Amino acid sequence: MLYARTTAITGLILVLLPFLGLPTSWKMAVCIIAGIVLLYLGYKEYRIAERHRLAREERTKTYTESTPDVRDVINS
């Protein structure tokens, strides 16, 4: 949830940036910093999703029902 909130706030800053009346050099710096933040958050979200996918694959093992062997039935 923290990553989603930070991504939304960073996106809002990028949307409002042209209307803030900042000097061009400041706008460029804020834009670069926001881009780096978005890249980092996207990478972290990817790693979390990959970890969840791997955990889900480990949980879904194939289940086969055991059936009695013919020799066990004959010997009983």
PDB file of N, CA and C in Angstrom:
ATOM      1  N   MET A   1       0.823  -1.189   0.000  1.00  0.00           N
ATOM      2  CA  MET A   1       0.000   0.000   0.000  1.00  0.00           C
ATOM      3  C   MET A   1       0.870   1.257   0.000  1.00  0.00           C
ATOM      4  N   LEU A   2       1.993   1.177   0.673  1.00  0.00           N
ATOM      5  CA  LEU A   2       2.892   2.325   0.732  1.00  0.00           C
ATOM      6  C   LEU A   2       3.402   2.686  -0.656  1.00  0.00           C
ATOM      7  N   TYR A   3       3.727   1.661  -1.475  1.00  0.00           N
ATOM      8  CA  TYR A   3       4.238   1.926  -2.811  1.00  0.00           C
ATOM      9  C   TYR A   3       3.168   2.568  -3.688  1.00  0.00           C
ATOM     10  N   ALA A   4       1.936   2.112  -3.553  1.00  0.00           N
ATOM     11  CA  ALA A   4       0.848   2.683  -4.351  1.00  0.00           C
ATOM     12  C   ALA A   4       0.611   4.141  -3.976  1.00  0.00           C
ATOM     13  N   ARG A   5       0.639   4.437  -2.708  1.00  0.00           N
ATOM     14  CA  ARG A   5       0.423   5.817  -2.248  1.00  0.00           C
ATOM     15  C   ARG A   5       1.558   6.722  -2.726  1.00  0.00           C
ATOM     16  N   THR A   6       2.792   6.241  -2.613  1.00  0.00           N
ATOM     17  CA  THR A   6       3.940   7.037  -3.046  1.00  0.00           C
ATOM     18  C   THR A   6       3.911   7.252  -4.556  1.00  0.00           C
ATOM     19  N   THR A   7       3.501   6.232  -5.291  1.00  0.00           N
ATOM     20  CA  THR A   7       3.389   6.365  -6.745  1.00  0.00           C
ATOM     21  C   THR A   7       2.328   7.395  -7.110  1.00  0.00           C
ATOM     22  N   ALA A   8       1.206   7.377  -6.413  1.00  0.00           N
ATOM     23  CA  ALA A   8       0.138   8.343  -6.686  1.00  0.00           C
ATOM     24  C   ALA A   8       0.590   9.768  -6.369  1.00  0.00           C
ATOM     25  N   ILE A   9       1.272   9.955  -5.269  1.00  0.00           N
ATOM     26  CA  ILE A   9       1.744  11.296  -4.894  1.00  0.00           C
ATOM     27  C   ILE A   9       2.788  11.789  -5.894  1.00  0.00           C
ATOM     28  N   THR A  10       3.685  10.905  -6.311  1.00  0.00           N
ATOM     29  CA  THR A  10       4.694  11.292  -7.301  1.00  0.00           C
ATOM     30  C   THR A  10       4.040  11.659  -8.628  1.00  0.00           C
ATOM     31  N   GLY A  11       3.032  10.893  -9.032  1.00  0.00           N
ATOM     32  CA  GLY A  11       2.297  11.218 -10.255  1.00  0.00           C
ATOM     33  C   GLY A  11       1.582  12.552 -10.147  1.00  0.00           C
ATOM     34  N   LEU A  12       0.997  12.826  -8.980  1.00  0.00           N
ATOM     35  CA  LEU A  12       0.326  14.109  -8.775  1.00  0.00           C
ATOM     36  C   LEU A  12       1.318  15.270  -8.869  1.00  0.00           C
ATOM     37  N   ILE A  13       2.492  15.086  -8.308  1.00  0.00           N
ATOM     38  CA  ILE A  13       3.520  16.135  -8.403  1.00  0.00           C
ATOM     39  C   ILE A  13       3.890  16.369  -9.861  1.00  0.00           C
ATOM     40  N   LEU A  14       4.034  15.297 -10.633  1.00  0.00           N
ATOM     41  CA  LEU A  14       4.380  15.456 -12.043  1.00  0.00           C
ATOM     42  C   LEU A  14       3.271  16.155 -12.824  1.00  0.00           C
ATOM     43  N   VAL A  15       2.019  15.898 -12.458  1.00  0.00           N
ATOM     44  CA  VAL A  15       0.899  16.557 -13.147  1.00  0.00           C
ATOM     45  C   VAL A  15       0.850  18.039 -12.797  1.00  0.00           C
ATOM     46  N   LEU A  16       1.095  18.384 -11.543  1.00  0.00           N
ATOM     47  CA  LEU A  16       1.002  19.779 -11.100  1.00  0.00           C
ATOM     48  C   LEU A  16       2.267  20.585 -11.385  1.00  0.00           C
ATOM     49  N   LEU A  17       3.353  19.932 -11.710  1.00  0.00           N
ATOM     50  CA  LEU A  17       4.641  20.607 -11.894  1.00  0.00           C
ATOM     51  C   LEU A  17       4.605  21.774 -12.883  1.00  0.00           C
ATOM     52  N   PRO A  18       3.961  21.669 -14.048  1.00  0.00           N
ATOM     53  CA  PRO A  18       3.973  22.808 -14.972  1.00  0.00           C
ATOM     54  C   PRO A  18       3.222  24.037 -14.447  1.00  0.00           C
ATOM     55  N   PHE A  19       2.321  23.835 -13.492  1.00  0.00           N
ATOM     56  CA  PHE A  19       1.487  24.940 -13.006  1.00  0.00           C
ATOM     57  C   PHE A  19       2.005  25.565 -11.717  1.00  0.00           C
ATOM     58  N   LEU A  20       3.129  25.102 -11.200  1.00  0.00           N
ATOM     59  CA  LEU A  20       3.628  25.599  -9.916  1.00  0.00           C
ATOM     60  C   LEU A  20       4.423  26.893 -10.029  1.00  0.00           C
ATOM     61  N   GLY A  21       4.824  27.266 -11.212  1.00  0.00           N
ATOM     62  CA  GLY A  21       5.563  28.513 -11.388  1.00  0.00           C
ATOM     63  C   GLY A  21       7.014  28.436 -10.949  1.00  0.00           C
ATOM     64  N   LEU A  22       7.580  27.253 -10.981  1.00  0.00           N
ATOM     65  CA  LEU A  22       8.980  27.077 -10.601  1.00  0.00           C
ATOM     66  C   LEU A  22       9.890  27.422 -11.776  1.00  0.00           C
ATOM     67  N   PRO A  23      11.128  27.817 -11.484  1.00  0.00           N
ATOM     68  CA  PRO A  23      12.087  28.031 -12.568  1.00  0.00           C
ATOM     69  C   PRO A  23      12.325  26.726 -13.343  1.00  0.00           C
ATOM     70  N   THR A  24      12.745  26.865 -14.577  1.00  0.00           N
ATOM     71  CA  THR A  24      12.921  25.715 -15.445  1.00  0.00           C
ATOM     72  C   THR A  24      13.912  24.706 -14.880  1.00  0.00           C
ATOM     73  N   SER A  25      14.987  25.186 -14.291  1.00  0.00           N
ATOM     74  CA  SER A  25      15.989  24.263 -13.747  1.00  0.00           C
ATOM     75  C   SER A  25      15.402  23.444 -12.591  1.00  0.00           C
ATOM     76  N   TRP A  26      14.553  24.055 -11.770  1.00  0.00           N
ATOM     77  CA  TRP A  26      13.911  23.337 -10.671  1.00  0.00           C
ATOM     78  C   TRP A  26      12.929  22.302 -11.207  1.00  0.00           C
ATOM     79  N   LYS A  27      12.178  22.703 -12.237  1.00  0.00           N
ATOM     80  CA  LYS A  27      11.225  21.767 -12.838  1.00  0.00           C
ATOM     81  C   LYS A  27      11.951  20.543 -13.382  1.00  0.00           C
ATOM     82  N   MET A  28      13.079  20.779 -14.034  1.00  0.00           N
ATOM     83  CA  MET A  28      13.854  19.679 -14.591  1.00  0.00           C
ATOM     84  C   MET A  28      14.359  18.764 -13.483  1.00  0.00           C
ATOM     85  N   ALA A  29      14.866  19.345 -12.408  1.00  0.00           N
ATOM     86  CA  ALA A  29      15.381  18.549 -11.290  1.00  0.00           C
ATOM     87  C   ALA A  29      14.261  17.735 -10.635  1.00  0.00           C
ATOM     88  N   VAL A  30      13.116  18.351 -10.407  1.00  0.00           N
ATOM     89  CA  VAL A  30      11.983  17.647  -9.802  1.00  0.00           C
ATOM     90  C   VAL A  30      11.496  16.530 -10.725  1.00  0.00           C
ATOM     91  N   CYS A  31      11.474  16.797 -12.010  1.00  0.00           N
ATOM     92  CA  CYS A  31      11.043  15.798 -12.981  1.00  0.00           C
ATOM     93  C   CYS A  31      12.000  14.591 -12.993  1.00  0.00           C
ATOM     94  N   ILE A  32      13.281  14.840 -12.936  1.00  0.00           N
ATOM     95  CA  ILE A  32      14.265  13.752 -12.914  1.00  0.00           C
ATOM     96  C   ILE A  32      14.153  12.952 -11.625  1.00  0.00           C
ATOM     97  N   ILE A  33      14.029  13.639 -10.506  1.00  0.00           N
ATOM     98  CA  ILE A  33      13.895  12.949  -9.217  1.00  0.00           C
ATOM     99  C   ILE A  33      12.616  12.116  -9.186  1.00  0.00           C
ATOM    100  N   ALA A  34      11.519  12.685  -9.669  1.00  0.00           N
ATOM    101  CA  ALA A  34      10.256  11.941  -9.702  1.00  0.00           C
ATOM    102  C   ALA A  34      10.365  10.724 -10.618  1.00  0.00           C
ATOM    103  N   GLY A  35      11.048  10.856 -11.724  1.00  0.00           N
ATOM    104  CA  GLY A  35      11.255   9.717 -12.614  1.00  0.00           C
ATOM    105  C   GLY A  35      12.058   8.612 -11.953  1.00  0.00           C
ATOM    106  N   ILE A  36      13.091   8.983 -11.226  1.00  0.00           N
ATOM    107  CA  ILE A  36      13.897   7.992 -10.513  1.00  0.00           C
ATOM    108  C   ILE A  36      13.062   7.297  -9.446  1.00  0.00           C
ATOM    109  N   VAL A  37      12.244   8.062  -8.732  1.00  0.00           N
ATOM    110  CA  VAL A  37      11.366   7.486  -7.712  1.00  0.00           C
ATOM    111  C   VAL A  37      10.382   6.506  -8.350  1.00  0.00           C
ATOM    112  N   LEU A  38       9.796   6.876  -9.478  1.00  0.00           N
ATOM    113  CA  LEU A  38       8.848   5.991 -10.150  1.00  0.00           C
ATOM    114  C   LEU A  38       9.530   4.722 -10.660  1.00  0.00           C
ATOM    115  N   LEU A  39      10.735   4.849 -11.182  1.00  0.00           N
ATOM    116  CA  LEU A  39      11.478   3.663 -11.603  1.00  0.00           C
ATOM    117  C   LEU A  39      11.747   2.724 -10.432  1.00  0.00           C
ATOM    118  N   TYR A  40      12.163   3.285  -9.311  1.00  0.00           N
ATOM    119  CA  TYR A  40      12.438   2.483  -8.121  1.00  0.00           C
ATOM    120  C   TYR A  40      11.172   1.787  -7.616  1.00  0.00           C
ATOM    121  N   LEU A  41      10.072   2.525  -7.542  1.00  0.00           N
ATOM    122  CA  LEU A  41       8.823   1.939  -7.061  1.00  0.00           C
ATOM    123  C   LEU A  41       8.307   0.863  -8.005  1.00  0.00           C
ATOM    124  N   GLY A  42       8.450   1.085  -9.297  1.00  0.00           N
ATOM    125  CA  GLY A  42       8.047   0.069 -10.256  1.00  0.00           C
ATOM    126  C   GLY A  42       8.871  -1.200 -10.114  1.00  0.00           C
ATOM    127  N   TYR A  43      10.161  -1.049  -9.890  1.00  0.00           N
ATOM    128  CA  TYR A  43      11.026  -2.209  -9.690  1.00  0.00           C
ATOM    129  C   TYR A  43      10.639  -2.959  -8.422  1.00  0.00           C
ATOM    130  N   LYS A  44      10.371  -2.226  -7.337  1.00  0.00           N
ATOM    131  CA  LYS A  44       9.969  -2.874  -6.081  1.00  0.00           C
ATOM    132  C   LYS A  44       8.647  -3.610  -6.241  1.00  0.00           C
ATOM    133  N   GLU A  45       7.689  -3.013  -6.928  1.00  0.00           N
ATOM    134  CA  GLU A  45       6.407  -3.680  -7.169  1.00  0.00           C
ATOM    135  C   GLU A  45       6.601  -4.943  -8.003  1.00  0.00           C
ATOM    136  N   TYR A  46       7.475  -4.885  -8.988  1.00  0.00           N
ATOM    137  CA  TYR A  46       7.768  -6.053  -9.811  1.00  0.00           C
ATOM    138  C   TYR A  46       8.352  -7.174  -8.954  1.00  0.00           C
ATOM    139  N   ARG A  47       9.296  -6.843  -8.083  1.00  0.00           N
ATOM    140  CA  ARG A  47       9.915  -7.859  -7.228  1.00  0.00           C
ATOM    141  C   ARG A  47       8.891  -8.477  -6.279  1.00  0.00           C
ATOM    142  N   ILE A  48       7.992  -7.665  -5.734  1.00  0.00           N
ATOM    143  CA  ILE A  48       6.961  -8.193  -4.842  1.00  0.00           C
ATOM    144  C   ILE A  48       6.018  -9.115  -5.610  1.00  0.00           C
ATOM    145  N   ALA A  49       5.606  -8.701  -6.803  1.00  0.00           N
ATOM    146  CA  ALA A  49       4.715  -9.531  -7.613  1.00  0.00           C
ATOM    147  C   ALA A  49       5.401 -10.838  -8.000  1.00  0.00           C
ATOM    148  N   GLU A  50       6.672 -10.781  -8.326  1.00  0.00           N
ATOM    149  CA  GLU A  50       7.415 -11.989  -8.682  1.00  0.00           C
ATOM    150  C   GLU A  50       7.521 -12.929  -7.482  1.00  0.00           C
ATOM    151  N   ARG A  51       7.762 -12.373  -6.302  1.00  0.00           N
ATOM    152  CA  ARG A  51       7.844 -13.194  -5.094  1.00  0.00           C
ATOM    153  C   ARG A  51       6.502 -13.872  -4.814  1.00  0.00           C
ATOM    154  N   HIS A  52       5.397 -13.143  -4.996  1.00  0.00           N
ATOM    155  CA  HIS A  52       4.073 -13.731  -4.792  1.00  0.00           C
ATOM    156  C   HIS A  52       3.789 -14.808  -5.831  1.00  0.00           C
ATOM    157  N   ARG A  53       4.204 -14.590  -7.057  1.00  0.00           N
ATOM    158  CA  ARG A  53       3.985 -15.588  -8.110  1.00  0.00           C
ATOM    159  C   ARG A  53       4.742 -16.866  -7.798  1.00  0.00           C
ATOM    160  N   LEU A  54       5.985 -16.746  -7.357  1.00  0.00           N
ATOM    161  CA  LEU A  54       6.774 -17.922  -7.024  1.00  0.00           C
ATOM    162  C   LEU A  54       6.185 -18.663  -5.827  1.00  0.00           C
ATOM    163  N   ALA A  55       5.709 -17.922  -4.844  1.00  0.00           N
ATOM    164  CA  ALA A  55       5.094 -18.557  -3.677  1.00  0.00           C
ATOM    165  C   ALA A  55       3.813 -19.284  -4.077  1.00  0.00           C
ATOM    166  N   ARG A  56       3.045 -18.709  -4.984  1.00  0.00           N
ATOM    167  CA  ARG A  56       1.805 -19.338  -5.429  1.00  0.00           C
ATOM    168  C   ARG A  56       2.111 -20.625  -6.205  1.00  0.00           C
ATOM    169  N   GLU A  57       3.181 -20.621  -7.007  1.00  0.00           N
ATOM    170  CA  GLU A  57       3.564 -21.825  -7.740  1.00  0.00           C
ATOM    171  C   GLU A  57       4.007 -22.931  -6.796  1.00  0.00           C
ATOM    172  N   GLU A  58       4.680 -22.578  -5.707  1.00  0.00           N
ATOM    173  CA  GLU A  58       5.118 -23.579  -4.750  1.00  0.00           C
ATOM    174  C   GLU A  58       3.931 -24.180  -4.006  1.00  0.00           C
ATOM    175  N   ARG A  59       2.879 -23.415  -3.776  1.00  0.00           N
ATOM    176  CA  ARG A  59       1.717 -23.910  -3.047  1.00  0.00           C
ATOM    177  C   ARG A  59       0.868 -24.847  -3.885  1.00  0.00           C
ATOM    178  N   THR A  60       0.841 -24.668  -5.182  1.00  0.00           N
ATOM    179  CA  THR A  60      -0.055 -25.455  -6.031  1.00  0.00           C
ATOM    180  C   THR A  60       0.667 -26.692  -6.566  1.00  0.00           C
ATOM    181  N   LYS A  61       0.938 -27.625  -5.677  1.00  0.00           N
ATOM    182  CA  LYS A  61       1.530 -28.894  -6.071  1.00  0.00           C
ATOM    183  C   LYS A  61       0.427 -29.805  -6.602  1.00  0.00           C
ATOM    184  N   THR A  62       0.797 -30.705  -7.458  1.00  0.00           N
ATOM    185  CA  THR A  62      -0.161 -31.639  -8.012  1.00  0.00           C
ATOM    186  C   THR A  62      -0.476 -32.709  -6.973  1.00  0.00           C
ATOM    187  N   TYR A  63      -1.756 -32.971  -6.795  1.00  0.00           N
ATOM    188  CA  TYR A  63      -2.199 -33.962  -5.835  1.00  0.00           C
ATOM    189  C   TYR A  63      -2.733 -35.168  -6.594  1.00  0.00           C
ATOM    190  N   THR A  64      -2.210 -36.337  -6.264  1.00  0.00           N
ATOM    191  CA  THR A  64      -2.731 -37.561  -6.865  1.00  0.00           C
ATOM    192  C   THR A  64      -3.255 -38.444  -5.744  1.00  0.00           C
ATOM    193  N   GLU A  65      -4.425 -38.952  -5.944  1.00  0.00           N
ATOM    194  CA  GLU A  65      -5.024 -39.815  -4.933  1.00  0.00           C
ATOM    195  C   GLU A  65      -4.367 -41.186  -5.013  1.00  0.00           C
ATOM    196  N   SER A  66      -4.019 -41.707  -3.871  1.00  0.00           N
ATOM    197  CA  SER A  66      -3.368 -43.012  -3.875  1.00  0.00           C
ATOM    198  C   SER A  66      -4.419 -44.108  -4.003  1.00  0.00           C
ATOM    199  N   THR A  67      -4.137 -45.084  -4.810  1.00  0.00           N
ATOM    200  CA  THR A  67      -5.034 -46.218  -4.996  1.00  0.00           C
ATOM    201  C   THR A  67      -4.323 -47.468  -4.516  1.00  0.00           C
ATOM    202  N   PRO A  68      -5.065 -48.406  -3.987  1.00  0.00           N
ATOM    203  CA  PRO A  68      -4.405 -49.621  -3.494  1.00  0.00           C
ATOM    204  C   PRO A  68      -3.795 -50.419  -4.640  1.00  0.00           C
ATOM    205  N   ASP A  69      -2.676 -51.007  -4.346  1.00  0.00           N
ATOM    206  CA  ASP A  69      -2.000 -51.833  -5.334  1.00  0.00           C
ATOM    207  C   ASP A  69      -2.732 -53.166  -5.427  1.00  0.00           C
ATOM    208  N   VAL A  70      -2.773 -53.740  -6.605  1.00  0.00           N
ATOM    209  CA  VAL A  70      -3.492 -54.995  -6.843  1.00  0.00           C
ATOM    210  C   VAL A  70      -2.911 -56.100  -5.953  1.00  0.00           C
ATOM    211  N   ARG A  71      -1.603 -56.107  -5.766  1.00  0.00           N
ATOM    212  CA  ARG A  71      -0.991 -57.143  -4.912  1.00  0.00           C
ATOM    213  C   ARG A  71      -1.433 -57.019  -3.468  1.00  0.00           C
ATOM    214  N   ASP A  72      -1.680 -55.797  -2.985  1.00  0.00           N
ATOM    215  CA  ASP A  72      -2.163 -55.614  -1.625  1.00  0.00           C
ATOM    216  C   ASP A  72      -3.584 -56.157  -1.481  1.00  0.00           C
ATOM    217  N   VAL A  73      -4.418 -55.989  -2.482  1.00  0.00           N
ATOM    218  CA  VAL A  73      -5.786 -56.458  -2.415  1.00  0.00           C
ATOM    219  C   VAL A  73      -5.820 -57.971  -2.449  1.00  0.00           C
ATOM    220  N   ILE A  74      -4.989 -58.609  -3.278  1.00  0.00           N
ATOM    221  CA  ILE A  74      -4.963 -60.070  -3.393  1.00  0.00           C
ATOM    222  C   ILE A  74      -4.405 -60.708  -2.128  1.00  0.00           C
ATOM    223  N   ASN A  75      -3.383 -60.108  -1.535  1.00  0.00           N
ATOM    224  CA  ASN A  75      -2.741 -60.673  -0.330  1.00  0.00           C
ATOM    225  C   ASN A  75      -3.593 -60.503   0.916  1.00  0.00           C
ATOM    226  N   SER A  76      -4.607 -59.668   0.925  1.00  0.00           N
ATOM    227  CA  SER A  76      -5.376 -59.443   2.149  1.00  0.00           C
ATOM    228  C   SER A  76      -6.389 -60.495   2.401  1.00  0.00           C
TER     229      SER A  76
END
